[in-house]
Amino acid sequence: MIEKQLYSYRMNLQELEKWAELKNIILSDCKKMQISHQHHDWIDKRTDSIDPYNHVAGYSQADGYFYIEDGDRGEINLSCCSRNFEDIRWYLLTSVAGYAGQYYELTHRKSDEKCWRYPRKFIDGKLILKQRLIWKYNAIHDTRKLWFEYEINALAKVADQARLTVFVNERTGLLNLWFDQPHWEFDWEKMTFVEISDSKERR
């Protein structure tokens, strides 16, 4: 089926059971990932087959699992469509980890900022960099580092190594995007990003 057909598709009883089974597995995975209970309502909605103005998801015998993001502007996007159970499971788990990771970073931003040599300050809409005398990271404060580390550590509790490695490489690439030379590398023993160069960000 095409995207629009899936968007209006209604599952039969067997297909509803397949989706319910997936949802239960995701909820169980979230416990293993130690996702805070405060996110339970969001996760519950995220794994529903229908959440108005957010998504339509489900399982069809013809196409397998599907997840379509939508919104109040009328646009739809087929985010995942696969017969492979692990594909949709991974899509949902990375979604949950990303949401929880962003929340974690926001609630720890003030303390994390103190570890960076150049904290970000915006004055009249302009970025002003102030240099700290004592720092842990010789770079401009990048809020994504803490967020990405949360994601990776949570996913590591339930993911297979191949998928996790691809995910880590993608996140490492994003952290290094504005450096002329790679500045960050993921330390698998410490499960954190570490600096590997004195390269500076392009601004």
C-alpha atoms as a PDB file:
ATOM      1  CA  MET A   1       0.000   0.000   0.000  1.00  0.00           C
ATOM      2  CA  ILE A   2       1.072   3.565  -0.547  1.00  0.00           C
ATOM      3  CA  GLU A   3       1.540   6.087   2.230  1.00  0.00           C
ATOM      4  CA  LYS A   4      -1.974   7.567   2.053  1.00  0.00           C
ATOM      5  CA  GLN A   5      -3.586   4.144   2.022  1.00  0.00           C
ATOM      6  CA  LEU A   6      -1.663   3.097   5.116  1.00  0.00           C
ATOM      7  CA  TYR A   7      -2.641   6.353   6.792  1.00  0.00           C
ATOM      8  CA  SER A   8      -6.324   5.443   6.545  1.00  0.00           C
ATOM      9  CA  TYR A   9      -5.817   1.694   7.069  1.00  0.00           C
ATOM     10  CA  ARG A  10      -7.780  -0.001   9.838  1.00  0.00           C
ATOM     11  CA  MET A  11      -6.312  -3.186  11.301  1.00  0.00           C
ATOM     12  CA  ASN A  12      -8.257  -6.411  11.701  1.00  0.00           C
ATOM     13  CA  LEU A  13      -8.284  -8.305  14.998  1.00  0.00           C
ATOM     14  CA  GLN A  14      -5.134 -10.328  14.250  1.00  0.00           C
ATOM     15  CA  GLU A  15      -3.251  -7.226  13.164  1.00  0.00           C
ATOM     16  CA  LEU A  16      -4.350  -5.348  16.291  1.00  0.00           C
ATOM     17  CA  GLU A  17      -2.944  -8.198  18.373  1.00  0.00           C
ATOM     18  CA  LYS A  18       0.398  -7.935  16.530  1.00  0.00           C
ATOM     19  CA  TRP A  19       0.622  -4.232  17.347  1.00  0.00           C
ATOM     20  CA  ALA A  20      -0.411  -4.792  20.967  1.00  0.00           C
ATOM     21  CA  GLU A  21       2.354  -7.390  21.281  1.00  0.00           C
ATOM     22  CA  LEU A  22       4.886  -4.869  19.941  1.00  0.00           C
ATOM     23  CA  LYS A  23       3.686  -2.204  22.351  1.00  0.00           C
ATOM     24  CA  ASN A  24       4.090  -4.537  25.341  1.00  0.00           C
ATOM     25  CA  ILE A  25       7.630  -5.373  24.261  1.00  0.00           C
ATOM     26  CA  ILE A  26       8.512  -1.680  23.910  1.00  0.00           C
ATOM     27  CA  LEU A  27       7.143  -0.923  27.374  1.00  0.00           C
ATOM     28  CA  SER A  28       9.192  -3.813  28.764  1.00  0.00           C
ATOM     29  CA  ASP A  29      12.294  -2.543  26.942  1.00  0.00           C
ATOM     30  CA  CYS A  30      11.779   0.918  28.458  1.00  0.00           C
ATOM     31  CA  LYS A  31      11.981  -0.593  31.928  1.00  0.00           C
ATOM     32  CA  LYS A  32      15.260  -2.284  30.989  1.00  0.00           C
ATOM     33  CA  MET A  33      16.503   1.047  29.614  1.00  0.00           C
ATOM     34  CA  GLN A  34      15.609   2.619  32.977  1.00  0.00           C
ATOM     35  CA  ILE A  35      13.476   5.305  31.353  1.00  0.00           C
ATOM     36  CA  SER A  36      11.926   7.433  34.079  1.00  0.00           C
ATOM     37  CA  HIS A  37       8.294   6.715  34.999  1.00  0.00           C
ATOM     38  CA  GLN A  38       7.523  10.386  34.412  1.00  0.00           C
ATOM     39  CA  HIS A  39       7.736   9.685  30.669  1.00  0.00           C
ATOM     40  CA  HIS A  40       5.237   6.800  30.815  1.00  0.00           C
ATOM     41  CA  ASP A  41       2.267   8.782  29.470  1.00  0.00           C
ATOM     42  CA  TRP A  42       4.300  10.041  26.498  1.00  0.00           C
ATOM     43  CA  ILE A  43       5.592   6.535  25.735  1.00  0.00           C
ATOM     44  CA  ASP A  44       2.094   5.100  26.041  1.00  0.00           C
ATOM     45  CA  LYS A  45       0.783   7.575  23.453  1.00  0.00           C
ATOM     46  CA  ARG A  46       3.849   7.163  21.247  1.00  0.00           C
ATOM     47  CA  THR A  47       3.182   3.413  21.005  1.00  0.00           C
ATOM     48  CA  ASP A  48      -0.593   3.704  20.467  1.00  0.00           C
ATOM     49  CA  SER A  49      -1.723   2.860  16.945  1.00  0.00           C
ATOM     50  CA  ILE A  50      -3.466   6.231  16.662  1.00  0.00           C
ATOM     51  CA  ASP A  51      -2.554   9.502  18.379  1.00  0.00           C
ATOM     52  CA  PRO A  52      -4.483  12.359  16.690  1.00  0.00           C
ATOM     53  CA  TYR A  53      -2.296  15.117  15.211  1.00  0.00           C
ATOM     54  CA  ASN A  54       0.821  13.072  15.969  1.00  0.00           C
ATOM     55  CA  HIS A  55       0.891   9.698  14.265  1.00  0.00           C
ATOM     56  CA  VAL A  56      -0.896   6.693  12.805  1.00  0.00           C
ATOM     57  CA  ALA A  57       0.788   3.321  13.208  1.00  0.00           C
ATOM     58  CA  GLY A  58       0.009  -0.356  12.978  1.00  0.00           C
ATOM     59  CA  TYR A  59       0.543  -3.651  11.247  1.00  0.00           C
ATOM     60  CA  SER A  60      -0.851  -4.912   7.973  1.00  0.00           C
ATOM     61  CA  GLN A  61      -0.382  -8.398   6.602  1.00  0.00           C
ATOM     62  CA  ALA A  62       0.456  -6.892   3.227  1.00  0.00           C
ATOM     63  CA  ASP A  63       3.098  -4.353   4.319  1.00  0.00           C
ATOM     64  CA  GLY A  64       4.178  -5.299   7.826  1.00  0.00           C
ATOM     65  CA  TYR A  65       4.707  -2.690  10.546  1.00  0.00           C
ATOM     66  CA  PHE A  66       4.255   0.961   9.671  1.00  0.00           C
ATOM     67  CA  TYR A  67       4.553   4.300  11.469  1.00  0.00           C
ATOM     68  CA  ILE A  68       3.336   7.528   9.908  1.00  0.00           C
ATOM     69  CA  GLU A  69       4.059  10.876  11.516  1.00  0.00           C
ATOM     70  CA  ASP A  70       1.491  13.610  10.965  1.00  0.00           C
ATOM     71  CA  GLY A  71       0.511  16.967  12.431  1.00  0.00           C
ATOM     72  CA  ASP A  72      -1.980  19.775  12.441  1.00  0.00           C
ATOM     73  CA  ARG A  73      -0.592  21.157   9.168  1.00  0.00           C
ATOM     74  CA  GLY A  74      -1.861  18.188   7.179  1.00  0.00           C
ATOM     75  CA  GLU A  75       1.472  16.702   6.116  1.00  0.00           C
ATOM     76  CA  ILE A  76       2.225  13.018   6.620  1.00  0.00           C
ATOM     77  CA  ASN A  77       5.561  11.226   6.623  1.00  0.00           C
ATOM     78  CA  LEU A  78       6.098   7.460   6.480  1.00  0.00           C
ATOM     79  CA  SER A  79       8.840   7.174   9.087  1.00  0.00           C
ATOM     80  CA  CYS A  80       9.051   3.381   9.178  1.00  0.00           C
ATOM     81  CA  CYS A  81       7.559   0.564   7.120  1.00  0.00           C
ATOM     82  CA  SER A  82       9.026  -2.909   7.437  1.00  0.00           C
ATOM     83  CA  ARG A  83       8.143  -6.571   7.766  1.00  0.00           C
ATOM     84  CA  ASN A  84      11.089  -6.888  10.104  1.00  0.00           C
ATOM     85  CA  PHE A  85       9.943  -6.648  13.726  1.00  0.00           C
ATOM     86  CA  GLU A  86      13.386  -5.411  14.823  1.00  0.00           C
ATOM     87  CA  ASP A  87      13.179  -2.427  12.464  1.00  0.00           C
ATOM     88  CA  ILE A  88      10.009  -1.022  14.018  1.00  0.00           C
ATOM     89  CA  ARG A  89      11.219  -1.915  17.500  1.00  0.00           C
ATOM     90  CA  TRP A  90      14.451  -0.002  16.911  1.00  0.00           C
ATOM     91  CA  TYR A  91      12.578   2.961  15.438  1.00  0.00           C
ATOM     92  CA  LEU A  92      10.388   3.249  18.534  1.00  0.00           C
ATOM     93  CA  LEU A  93      13.241   2.675  20.987  1.00  0.00           C
ATOM     94  CA  THR A  94      15.404   5.397  19.416  1.00  0.00           C
ATOM     95  CA  SER A  95      12.382   7.694  19.503  1.00  0.00           C
ATOM     96  CA  VAL A  96      11.870   7.054  23.224  1.00  0.00           C
ATOM     97  CA  ALA A  97      15.588   7.379  23.990  1.00  0.00           C
ATOM     98  CA  GLY A  98      15.744  10.665  22.080  1.00  0.00           C
ATOM     99  CA  TYR A  99      12.786  12.136  23.941  1.00  0.00           C
ATOM    100  CA  ALA A 100      14.070  11.053  27.350  1.00  0.00           C
ATOM    101  CA  GLY A 101      17.604  12.140  26.446  1.00  0.00           C
ATOM    102  CA  GLN A 102      16.498  15.652  25.544  1.00  0.00           C
ATOM    103  CA  TYR A 103      14.581  15.932  28.809  1.00  0.00           C
ATOM    104  CA  TYR A 104      17.613  14.704  30.752  1.00  0.00           C
ATOM    105  CA  GLU A 105      19.885  17.245  29.069  1.00  0.00           C
ATOM    106  CA  LEU A 106      17.490  20.126  29.720  1.00  0.00           C
ATOM    107  CA  THR A 107      17.221  19.294  33.409  1.00  0.00           C
ATOM    108  CA  HIS A 108      21.022  19.006  33.743  1.00  0.00           C
ATOM    109  CA  ARG A 109      22.064  21.859  31.449  1.00  0.00           C
ATOM    110  CA  LYS A 110      23.200  24.316  34.127  1.00  0.00           C
ATOM    111  CA  SER A 111      25.508  21.817  35.814  1.00  0.00           C
ATOM    112  CA  ASP A 112      26.807  20.462  32.494  1.00  0.00           C
ATOM    113  CA  GLU A 113      27.551  23.954  31.194  1.00  0.00           C
ATOM    114  CA  LYS A 114      30.116  24.438  33.962  1.00  0.00           C
ATOM    115  CA  CYS A 115      32.264  21.670  32.419  1.00  0.00           C
ATOM    116  CA  TRP A 116      32.861  23.513  29.143  1.00  0.00           C
ATOM    117  CA  ARG A 117      35.554  26.064  28.357  1.00  0.00           C
ATOM    118  CA  TYR A 118      33.204  28.233  26.281  1.00  0.00           C
ATOM    119  CA  PRO A 119      29.623  28.430  27.632  1.00  0.00           C
ATOM    120  CA  ARG A 120      27.042  29.900  25.265  1.00  0.00           C
ATOM    121  CA  LYS A 121      25.379  33.196  26.123  1.00  0.00           C
ATOM    122  CA  PHE A 122      22.956  35.085  23.901  1.00  0.00           C
ATOM    123  CA  ILE A 123      22.752  38.860  24.320  1.00  0.00           C
ATOM    124  CA  ASP A 124      20.333  40.787  22.077  1.00  0.00           C
ATOM    125  CA  GLY A 125      20.092  37.740  19.848  1.00  0.00           C
ATOM    126  CA  LYS A 126      23.856  37.464  19.362  1.00  0.00           C
ATOM    127  CA  LEU A 127      26.003  34.539  20.516  1.00  0.00           C
ATOM    128  CA  ILE A 128      28.598  35.629  23.047  1.00  0.00           C
ATOM    129  CA  LEU A 129      31.306  33.198  24.158  1.00  0.00           C
ATOM    130  CA  LYS A 130      32.855  33.646  27.574  1.00  0.00           C
ATOM    131  CA  GLN A 131      35.937  31.659  28.473  1.00  0.00           C
ATOM    132  CA  ARG A 132      36.139  29.746  31.749  1.00  0.00           C
ATOM    133  CA  LEU A 133      39.424  29.506  33.616  1.00  0.00           C
ATOM    134  CA  ILE A 134      38.754  25.891  34.629  1.00  0.00           C
ATOM    135  CA  TRP A 135      37.085  23.459  32.260  1.00  0.00           C
ATOM    136  CA  LYS A 136      36.756  19.798  31.394  1.00  0.00           C
ATOM    137  CA  TYR A 137      35.919  20.102  27.692  1.00  0.00           C
ATOM    138  CA  ASN A 138      37.967  22.401  25.468  1.00  0.00           C
ATOM    139  CA  ALA A 139      35.097  23.388  23.194  1.00  0.00           C
ATOM    140  CA  ILE A 140      31.949  25.495  22.886  1.00  0.00           C
ATOM    141  CA  HIS A 141      29.191  24.049  25.063  1.00  0.00           C
ATOM    142  CA  ASP A 142      27.354  21.478  22.935  1.00  0.00           C
ATOM    143  CA  THR A 143      24.154  20.402  24.658  1.00  0.00           C
ATOM    144  CA  ARG A 144      23.886  17.383  22.358  1.00  0.00           C
ATOM    145  CA  LYS A 145      26.811  15.589  23.991  1.00  0.00           C
ATOM    146  CA  LEU A 146      24.915  14.875  27.213  1.00  0.00           C
ATOM    147  CA  TRP A 147      21.732  14.132  25.277  1.00  0.00           C
ATOM    148  CA  PHE A 148      23.485  11.663  22.929  1.00  0.00           C
ATOM    149  CA  GLU A 149      25.265   9.934  25.799  1.00  0.00           C
ATOM    150  CA  TYR A 150      21.949   9.378  27.550  1.00  0.00           C
ATOM    151  CA  GLU A 151      20.489   7.878  24.364  1.00  0.00           C
ATOM    152  CA  ILE A 152      23.433   5.552  23.812  1.00  0.00           C
ATOM    153  CA  ASN A 153      23.607   4.324  27.392  1.00  0.00           C
ATOM    154  CA  ALA A 154      19.860   3.649  27.451  1.00  0.00           C
ATOM    155  CA  LEU A 155      19.826   1.843  24.098  1.00  0.00           C
ATOM    156  CA  ALA A 156      22.895  -0.211  25.023  1.00  0.00           C
ATOM    157  CA  LYS A 157      20.758  -2.068  27.583  1.00  0.00           C
ATOM    158  CA  VAL A 158      18.473  -3.508  24.882  1.00  0.00           C
ATOM    159  CA  ALA A 159      20.154  -3.087  21.481  1.00  0.00           C
ATOM    160  CA  ASP A 160      22.206  -5.478  19.409  1.00  0.00           C
ATOM    161  CA  GLN A 161      25.776  -4.289  18.878  1.00  0.00           C
ATOM    162  CA  ALA A 162      25.448  -3.771  15.120  1.00  0.00           C
ATOM    163  CA  ARG A 163      22.546  -1.326  15.365  1.00  0.00           C
ATOM    164  CA  LEU A 164      24.082   0.436  18.355  1.00  0.00           C
ATOM    165  CA  THR A 165      27.408   0.893  16.541  1.00  0.00           C
ATOM    166  CA  VAL A 166      25.687   2.524  13.563  1.00  0.00           C
ATOM    167  CA  PHE A 167      23.774   4.793  15.946  1.00  0.00           C
ATOM    168  CA  VAL A 168      26.949   5.802  17.811  1.00  0.00           C
ATOM    169  CA  ASN A 169      28.736   6.551  14.538  1.00  0.00           C
ATOM    170  CA  GLU A 170      25.851   8.768  13.427  1.00  0.00           C
ATOM    171  CA  ARG A 171      25.862  10.681  16.699  1.00  0.00           C
ATOM    172  CA  THR A 172      29.662  11.052  16.591  1.00  0.00           C
ATOM    173  CA  GLY A 173      29.362  12.506  13.101  1.00  0.00           C
ATOM    174  CA  LEU A 174      26.850  15.076  14.305  1.00  0.00           C
ATOM    175  CA  LEU A 175      29.105  16.180  17.184  1.00  0.00           C
ATOM    176  CA  ASN A 176      32.046  16.555  14.775  1.00  0.00           C
ATOM    177  CA  LEU A 177      30.043  18.311  12.052  1.00  0.00           C
ATOM    178  CA  TRP A 178      31.391  21.828  12.683  1.00  0.00           C
ATOM    179  CA  PHE A 179      35.001  20.843  13.332  1.00  0.00           C
ATOM    180  CA  ASP A 180      37.653  20.936  10.589  1.00  0.00           C
ATOM    181  CA  GLN A 181      39.200  17.842  12.167  1.00  0.00           C
ATOM    182  CA  PRO A 182      37.358  15.222  14.271  1.00  0.00           C
ATOM    183  CA  HIS A 183      37.190  16.458  17.851  1.00  0.00           C
ATOM    184  CA  TRP A 184      35.032  13.778  19.479  1.00  0.00           C
ATOM    185  CA  GLU A 185      35.223  10.008  19.682  1.00  0.00           C
ATOM    186  CA  PHE A 186      33.021   7.590  21.611  1.00  0.00           C
ATOM    187  CA  ASP A 187      34.819   5.642  24.338  1.00  0.00           C
ATOM    188  CA  TRP A 188      33.078   2.257  24.546  1.00  0.00           C
ATOM    189  CA  GLU A 189      34.644   1.427  27.900  1.00  0.00           C
ATOM    190  CA  LYS A 190      33.558   4.666  29.585  1.00  0.00           C
ATOM    191  CA  MET A 191      30.370   4.892  27.466  1.00  0.00           C
ATOM    192  CA  THR A 192      30.934   8.588  26.923  1.00  0.00           C
ATOM    193  CA  PHE A 193      32.305  10.926  24.260  1.00  0.00           C
ATOM    194  CA  VAL A 194      35.920  12.010  24.733  1.00  0.00           C
ATOM    195  CA  GLU A 195      37.982  14.711  23.071  1.00  0.00           C
ATOM    196  CA  ILE A 196      40.670  13.507  20.671  1.00  0.00           C
ATOM    197  CA  SER A 197      41.996  16.786  19.223  1.00  0.00           C
ATOM    198  CA  ASP A 198      42.364  20.535  19.770  1.00  0.00           C
ATOM    199  CA  SER A 199      40.384  21.270  16.623  1.00  0.00           C
ATOM    200  CA  LYS A 200      38.136  24.326  16.881  1.00  0.00           C
ATOM    201  CA  GLU A 201      34.574  24.780  15.679  1.00  0.00           C
ATOM    202  CA  ARG A 202      33.831  26.757  12.529  1.00  0.00           C
ATOM    203  CA  ARG A 203      31.666  29.768  13.398  1.00  0.00           C
END
